């Protein structure tokens, strides 16, 4: 009795031929130790529109030379065909074995452009000309930045993305390509780099004045004071209980006696930039825009603290403190306190 072997059921998950080709072309090319190498397995080349037009022209010249038996036509056709083949090799060689790694990412405000910087390293003696980078969300109307490298050199290649929403923006897959030398062929490869930047809220235009509130100093019975460091104030002997910021350290070391400053200068005005103090009619993004404008308006002239639902940053000043406040606004409510 003959046994019938059941045929395996078709795998519906297997993509079609075109889908497999697309998946093969777009297969992941992640970094190894943070570096992506554009080797032979990950370089692709196709003729551009100009290249297709050039090929059609060569075919027309060849057919004309065959029909009329024009020797000079044959010579010119084969000469141009040889130039085209040389262009194809030069285009492929222009990107071969370049290494790409992640560089710094510049933060931006909504409505601006986020700039990611890629470090391109040429470890060959030949120069690399016209290397460009673009992502799927790059502005097609804006020209991509071009990089030219001498032999055994490296350089930065910026990638600009539109900042359309606040928060953390990750760099998508980058297409690194070149049309060197004559634009007849386009050579490209992909790079997947773990790089991200923060997009701050767009600051409100013409916001209300910054709500400044002086902060009292508990060590001086409510007086708004801070220790002076210019050495002009009168000095007196140290008294037990004097705050440390009043001690004149240089004079004490010079004289061998503990001395304190008796004068004072005004403390920088302090204010709380508070979510709850804004009108209830404002929506979330409008509130964040106003708070962002206040953080920028404060600068270094005032100590500012930030209060958001679930987030509180104590008063401070300086570029690092201002950046921490802007990041809290950009990432809220992602960074809420538990």
Protein backbone atom coordinates (compact mmCIF):
# COMPACT_ATOMS: atom_id res chain seq x y z
CA UNK A 1 0.00 0.00 0.00
CA UNK A 2 1.47 3.32 -1.06
CA UNK A 3 1.72 5.99 1.60
CA UNK A 4 0.80 9.47 0.63
CA UNK A 5 3.02 12.13 2.12
CA UNK A 6 1.14 15.26 3.02
CA UNK A 7 2.51 18.38 1.45
CA UNK A 8 3.65 21.02 3.93
CA UNK A 9 1.28 23.91 4.37
CA UNK A 10 2.46 27.12 2.75
CA UNK A 11 4.09 29.57 5.12
CA UNK A 12 1.96 32.66 4.89
CA UNK A 13 4.57 34.63 6.80
CA UNK A 14 7.11 34.27 3.98
CA UNK A 15 7.22 37.57 2.12
CA UNK A 16 6.86 37.81 -1.61
CA UNK A 17 9.87 38.08 -3.89
CA UNK A 18 9.70 41.87 -3.96
CA UNK A 19 9.25 42.03 -0.18
CA UNK A 20 12.26 39.79 0.34
CA UNK A 21 14.35 41.98 -1.93
CA UNK A 22 13.31 45.10 -0.01
CA UNK A 23 14.00 43.40 3.33
CA UNK A 24 17.43 42.31 2.06
CA UNK A 25 18.30 45.81 0.93
CA UNK A 26 17.11 47.31 4.23
CA UNK A 27 18.57 44.69 6.55
CA UNK A 28 19.92 46.05 9.78
CA UNK A 29 23.45 47.44 9.67
CA UNK A 30 24.10 48.16 13.31
CA UNK A 31 27.37 49.39 14.75
CA UNK A 32 30.10 47.12 16.06
CA UNK A 33 31.71 48.75 19.08
CA UNK A 34 29.89 51.93 18.12
CA UNK A 35 31.30 52.01 14.57
CA UNK A 36 29.53 51.19 11.28
CA UNK A 37 31.84 50.09 8.44
CA UNK A 38 30.60 50.53 4.88
CA UNK A 39 32.03 47.27 3.56
CA UNK A 40 31.29 45.47 0.31
CA UNK A 41 28.36 43.54 1.76
CA UNK A 42 26.49 46.73 2.67
CA UNK A 43 27.10 48.95 -0.36
CA UNK A 44 24.49 49.25 -3.11
CA UNK A 45 24.71 51.01 -6.47
CA UNK A 46 22.15 51.95 -9.11
CA UNK A 47 22.18 54.40 -12.01
CA UNK A 48 20.53 57.77 -11.48
CA UNK A 49 18.18 59.40 -13.99
CA UNK A 50 21.19 61.01 -15.58
CA UNK A 51 22.88 57.60 -15.75
CA UNK A 52 19.84 56.04 -17.43
CA UNK A 53 19.75 58.90 -19.92
CA UNK A 54 23.46 58.42 -20.58
CA UNK A 55 22.89 54.69 -21.25
CA UNK A 56 20.03 55.46 -23.66
CA UNK A 57 22.28 57.91 -25.49
CA UNK A 58 24.99 55.25 -25.83
CA UNK A 59 22.48 52.76 -27.20
CA UNK A 60 21.29 55.31 -29.76
CA UNK A 61 24.89 56.05 -30.79
CA UNK A 62 25.64 52.34 -31.09
CA UNK A 63 22.57 51.64 -33.25
CA UNK A 64 23.36 54.61 -35.49
CA UNK A 65 26.97 53.49 -35.90
CA UNK A 66 25.84 49.95 -36.82
CA UNK A 67 23.28 51.16 -39.37
CA UNK A 68 25.64 53.56 -41.14
CA UNK A 69 28.92 51.75 -40.39
CA UNK A 70 30.54 54.84 -38.86
CA UNK A 71 33.96 53.99 -37.47
CA UNK A 72 34.28 57.22 -35.51
CA UNK A 73 30.81 56.57 -34.07
CA UNK A 74 31.97 53.19 -32.75
CA UNK A 75 35.09 54.75 -31.28
CA UNK A 76 33.16 57.52 -29.54
CA UNK A 77 30.50 55.10 -28.25
CA UNK A 78 33.04 52.71 -26.75
CA UNK A 79 35.04 55.62 -25.32
CA UNK A 80 31.98 57.00 -23.56
CA UNK A 81 31.01 53.49 -22.40
CA UNK A 82 34.47 53.08 -20.87
CA UNK A 83 34.11 56.44 -19.12
CA UNK A 84 30.74 55.30 -17.75
CA UNK A 85 32.24 52.06 -16.39
CA UNK A 86 35.08 54.03 -14.80
CA UNK A 87 32.51 56.35 -13.19
CA UNK A 88 30.68 53.34 -11.76
CA UNK A 89 33.87 52.01 -10.16
CA UNK A 90 34.87 55.42 -8.82
CA UNK A 91 31.39 55.92 -7.35
CA UNK A 92 31.55 52.55 -5.61
CA UNK A 93 35.10 53.15 -4.42
CA UNK A 94 34.14 56.55 -2.99
CA UNK A 95 32.20 54.99 -0.08
CA UNK A 96 33.97 51.66 0.27
CA UNK A 97 35.39 50.97 3.77
CA UNK A 98 34.40 54.31 5.27
CA UNK A 99 33.63 54.08 8.99
CA UNK A 100 30.78 56.03 10.60
CA UNK A 101 30.26 56.61 14.33
CA UNK A 102 27.90 58.69 16.45
CA UNK A 103 28.89 62.18 17.50
CA UNK A 104 27.20 64.86 19.61
CA UNK A 105 23.55 65.80 19.19
CA UNK A 106 22.45 69.40 19.63
CA UNK A 107 19.15 70.02 21.40
CA UNK A 108 16.61 72.34 19.82
CA UNK A 109 13.24 73.96 20.37
CA UNK A 110 10.04 72.94 18.63
CA UNK A 111 9.98 74.52 15.20
CA UNK A 112 13.77 74.44 14.76
CA UNK A 113 15.99 71.65 13.47
CA UNK A 114 17.72 68.97 15.53
CA UNK A 115 21.30 68.46 14.40
CA UNK A 116 22.90 65.04 14.81
CA UNK A 117 26.60 64.85 14.03
CA UNK A 118 28.17 61.74 12.52
CA UNK A 119 31.93 61.18 12.55
CA UNK A 120 33.14 59.80 9.22
CA UNK A 121 36.64 58.33 9.16
CA UNK A 122 38.64 57.65 5.99
CA UNK A 123 41.39 55.14 6.68
CA UNK A 124 42.55 55.02 3.05
CA UNK A 125 45.02 57.18 1.14
CA UNK A 126 42.43 58.11 -1.52
CA UNK A 127 40.22 61.14 -1.02
CA UNK A 128 36.45 60.76 -0.55
CA UNK A 129 34.34 63.42 -2.26
CA UNK A 130 30.71 64.41 -1.87
CA UNK A 131 29.62 62.08 0.97
CA UNK A 132 26.06 62.92 2.08
CA UNK A 133 23.62 61.65 4.70
CA UNK A 134 19.83 61.71 4.87
CA UNK A 135 17.01 60.02 6.79
CA UNK A 136 13.45 59.16 5.82
CA UNK A 137 12.12 62.19 7.71
CA UNK A 138 14.68 64.68 6.44
CA UNK A 139 13.44 67.67 4.52
CA UNK A 140 13.64 66.71 0.84
CA UNK A 141 13.67 70.35 -0.22
CA UNK A 142 16.70 71.23 1.90
CA UNK A 143 20.01 70.04 0.40
CA UNK A 144 21.90 67.48 2.43
CA UNK A 145 25.25 68.49 3.87
CA UNK A 146 28.20 67.25 1.84
CA UNK A 147 31.54 66.07 3.24
CA UNK A 148 34.87 65.77 1.44
CA UNK A 149 37.73 63.96 3.14
CA UNK A 150 41.40 63.79 2.25
CA UNK A 151 43.32 60.57 2.60
CA UNK A 152 43.74 59.27 6.18
CA UNK A 153 41.47 61.92 7.68
CA UNK A 154 38.09 62.26 9.36
CA UNK A 155 35.35 64.86 9.57
CA UNK A 156 31.85 65.60 10.86
CA UNK A 157 28.75 64.98 8.77
CA UNK A 158 25.65 66.77 10.15
CA UNK A 159 22.16 65.31 9.79
CA UNK A 160 19.27 67.75 10.31
CA UNK A 161 15.81 66.64 11.36
CA UNK A 162 12.76 68.88 11.79
CA UNK A 163 11.78 69.31 15.46
CA UNK A 164 8.01 68.92 15.24
CA UNK A 165 7.25 67.82 18.82
CA UNK A 166 8.89 68.09 22.21
CA UNK A 167 10.53 65.17 23.95
CA UNK A 168 13.32 62.78 23.15
CA UNK A 169 14.00 62.29 19.45
CA UNK A 170 15.99 59.26 18.32
CA UNK A 171 18.04 59.32 15.16
CA UNK A 172 16.34 57.02 12.63
CA UNK A 173 18.17 54.91 10.09
CA UNK A 174 20.62 57.08 8.17
CA UNK A 175 21.23 56.63 4.46
CA UNK A 176 24.81 57.54 3.56
CA UNK A 177 25.17 58.08 -0.17
CA UNK A 178 27.25 59.69 -2.89
CA UNK A 179 26.79 60.65 -6.57
CA UNK A 180 30.46 61.25 -7.25
CA UNK A 181 31.96 61.76 -9.82
CA UNK A 182 29.45 62.85 -12.47
CA UNK A 183 26.10 61.94 -10.92
CA UNK A 184 25.60 58.93 -13.21
CA UNK A 185 25.42 56.43 -10.33
CA UNK A 186 24.14 56.60 -6.78
CA UNK A 187 25.98 54.51 -4.19
CA UNK A 188 24.43 54.17 -0.75
CA UNK A 189 24.49 52.26 2.50
CA UNK A 190 22.57 52.31 5.79
CA UNK A 191 23.74 53.05 9.33
CA UNK A 192 21.73 52.40 12.52
CA UNK A 193 23.27 54.44 15.33
CA UNK A 194 21.99 54.80 18.90
CA UNK A 195 21.84 58.60 19.03
CA UNK A 196 19.14 60.82 20.50
CA UNK A 197 18.50 64.47 21.31
CA UNK A 198 15.99 66.45 23.36
CA UNK A 199 13.53 68.88 21.83
CA UNK A 200 12.42 71.64 24.21
CA UNK A 201 8.97 73.26 24.06
CA UNK A 202 8.69 76.31 21.83
CA UNK A 203 8.99 79.39 24.11
CA UNK A 204 5.93 81.62 24.19
CA UNK A 205 6.20 84.85 22.23
CA UNK A 206 5.84 87.97 24.43
CA UNK A 207 5.20 86.13 27.72
CA UNK A 208 4.17 87.93 30.94
CA UNK A 209 6.98 89.23 33.19
CA UNK A 210 8.93 86.74 35.24
CA UNK A 211 7.31 86.34 38.71
CA UNK A 212 10.30 87.31 40.88
CA UNK A 213 10.09 86.79 44.64
CA UNK A 214 12.96 87.58 47.00
CA UNK A 215 14.16 84.68 49.12
CA UNK A 216 14.89 85.32 52.77
CA UNK A 217 18.06 84.19 54.49
CA UNK A 218 17.18 82.47 57.75
CA UNK A 219 20.66 83.12 59.16
CA UNK A 220 20.15 86.87 59.08
CA UNK A 221 16.67 87.40 60.58
CA UNK A 222 14.92 87.55 57.24
CA UNK A 223 17.29 90.03 55.56
CA UNK A 224 17.87 89.44 51.89
CA UNK A 225 21.66 89.13 51.96
CA UNK A 226 24.53 87.09 50.64
CA UNK A 227 28.22 87.05 51.49
CA UNK A 228 30.46 89.45 49.56
CA UNK A 229 33.64 88.10 47.96
CA UNK A 230 35.26 91.36 46.85
CA UNK A 231 37.12 92.04 50.14
CA UNK A 232 35.71 95.56 50.53
CA UNK A 233 33.40 94.92 53.51
CA UNK A 234 34.56 95.59 57.07
CA UNK A 235 35.97 92.64 58.97
CA UNK A 236 35.37 91.66 62.55
CA UNK A 237 36.39 88.85 64.81
CA UNK A 238 34.62 85.57 64.25
CA UNK A 239 31.70 84.94 66.58
CA UNK A 240 30.42 81.46 67.32
CA UNK A 241 27.40 80.86 65.14
CA UNK A 242 28.49 83.03 62.20
CA UNK A 243 27.53 81.29 58.93
CA UNK A 244 30.36 79.79 56.94
CA UNK A 245 29.71 81.97 53.90
CA UNK A 246 30.52 85.04 56.09
CA UNK A 247 34.03 83.88 57.01
CA UNK A 248 36.84 85.81 55.27
CA UNK A 249 39.01 82.83 54.49
CA UNK A 250 41.87 84.70 52.80
CA UNK A 251 42.18 87.30 55.57
CA UNK A 252 41.91 84.62 58.25
CA UNK A 253 44.74 82.64 56.66
CA UNK A 254 46.88 85.76 56.29
CA UNK A 255 46.46 87.01 59.87
CA UNK A 256 46.11 83.69 61.65
CA UNK A 257 42.86 84.84 63.29
CA UNK A 258 39.29 83.95 62.43
CA UNK A 259 37.60 86.92 60.80
CA UNK A 260 34.06 87.43 59.48
CA UNK A 261 32.63 89.95 57.06
CA UNK A 262 30.17 92.47 58.46
CA UNK A 263 28.89 93.94 55.17
CA UNK A 264 26.44 92.42 52.74
CA UNK A 265 25.22 92.71 49.18
CA UNK A 266 21.76 91.91 47.86
CA UNK A 267 21.04 88.29 47.04
CA UNK A 268 19.98 87.40 43.54
CA UNK A 269 16.18 87.50 43.29
CA UNK A 270 14.58 84.08 43.49
CA UNK A 271 11.36 82.88 41.97
CA UNK A 272 9.45 79.65 41.54
CA UNK A 273 8.26 78.89 38.03
CA UNK A 274 5.15 77.00 39.01
CA UNK A 275 2.75 75.03 36.82
CA UNK A 276 -0.07 75.54 39.33
CA UNK A 277 0.26 79.34 39.19
CA UNK A 278 -0.79 79.48 35.54
CA UNK A 279 -4.43 80.05 34.50
CA UNK A 280 -6.56 76.92 34.47
CA UNK A 281 -7.76 77.71 30.94
CA UNK A 282 -4.30 77.07 29.43
CA UNK A 283 -3.71 73.66 27.89
CA UNK A 284 -0.62 71.55 28.54
CA UNK A 285 1.53 72.72 25.63
CA UNK A 286 0.66 76.39 26.22
CA UNK A 287 1.69 76.06 29.88
CA UNK A 288 4.98 74.40 28.95
CA UNK A 289 5.66 77.11 26.36
CA UNK A 290 5.17 79.88 28.94
CA UNK A 291 7.30 78.10 31.54
CA UNK A 292 10.00 77.61 28.91
CA UNK A 293 9.92 81.32 28.05
CA UNK A 294 10.28 82.21 31.74
CA UNK A 295 13.25 79.86 32.18
CA UNK A 296 15.00 81.52 29.24
CA UNK A 297 14.06 85.03 30.40
CA UNK A 298 15.56 84.45 33.86
CA UNK A 299 19.05 83.81 32.49
CA UNK A 300 21.70 84.15 35.23
CA UNK A 301 20.14 87.24 36.78
CA UNK A 302 17.84 85.25 39.07
CA UNK A 303 17.72 81.97 40.91
CA UNK A 304 14.79 79.95 39.59
CA UNK A 305 13.06 76.82 40.76
CA UNK A 306 10.68 74.73 38.68
CA UNK A 307 7.52 72.99 39.85
CA UNK A 308 5.60 70.64 37.60
CA UNK A 309 3.05 67.99 38.58
CA UNK A 310 5.28 65.29 40.05
CA UNK A 311 8.52 67.22 39.39
CA UNK A 312 10.34 69.81 41.52
CA UNK A 313 13.75 71.33 40.81
CA UNK A 314 15.08 73.50 43.66
CA UNK A 315 16.22 77.08 42.94
CA UNK A 316 19.54 77.62 41.24
CA UNK A 317 21.15 79.44 38.36
CA UNK A 318 23.69 78.83 35.64
CA UNK A 319 23.73 77.06 32.29
CA UNK A 320 23.57 73.56 33.78
CA UNK A 321 20.58 74.44 35.98
CA UNK A 322 18.80 76.11 33.06
CA UNK A 323 19.39 73.04 30.89
CA UNK A 324 18.00 70.77 33.64
CA UNK A 325 14.83 72.88 33.78
CA UNK A 326 14.42 72.81 30.00
CA UNK A 327 14.91 69.03 29.93
CA UNK A 328 12.27 68.62 32.63
CA UNK A 329 9.84 70.65 30.53
CA UNK A 330 10.68 68.69 27.40
CA UNK A 331 10.34 65.26 28.98
CA UNK A 332 7.30 65.92 31.18
CA UNK A 333 5.37 63.75 32.12
CA UNK A 334 8.01 61.11 31.33
CA UNK A 335 10.13 62.18 34.31
CA UNK A 336 7.42 62.40 36.93
CA UNK A 337 8.45 61.47 40.41
CA UNK A 338 6.86 58.23 41.66
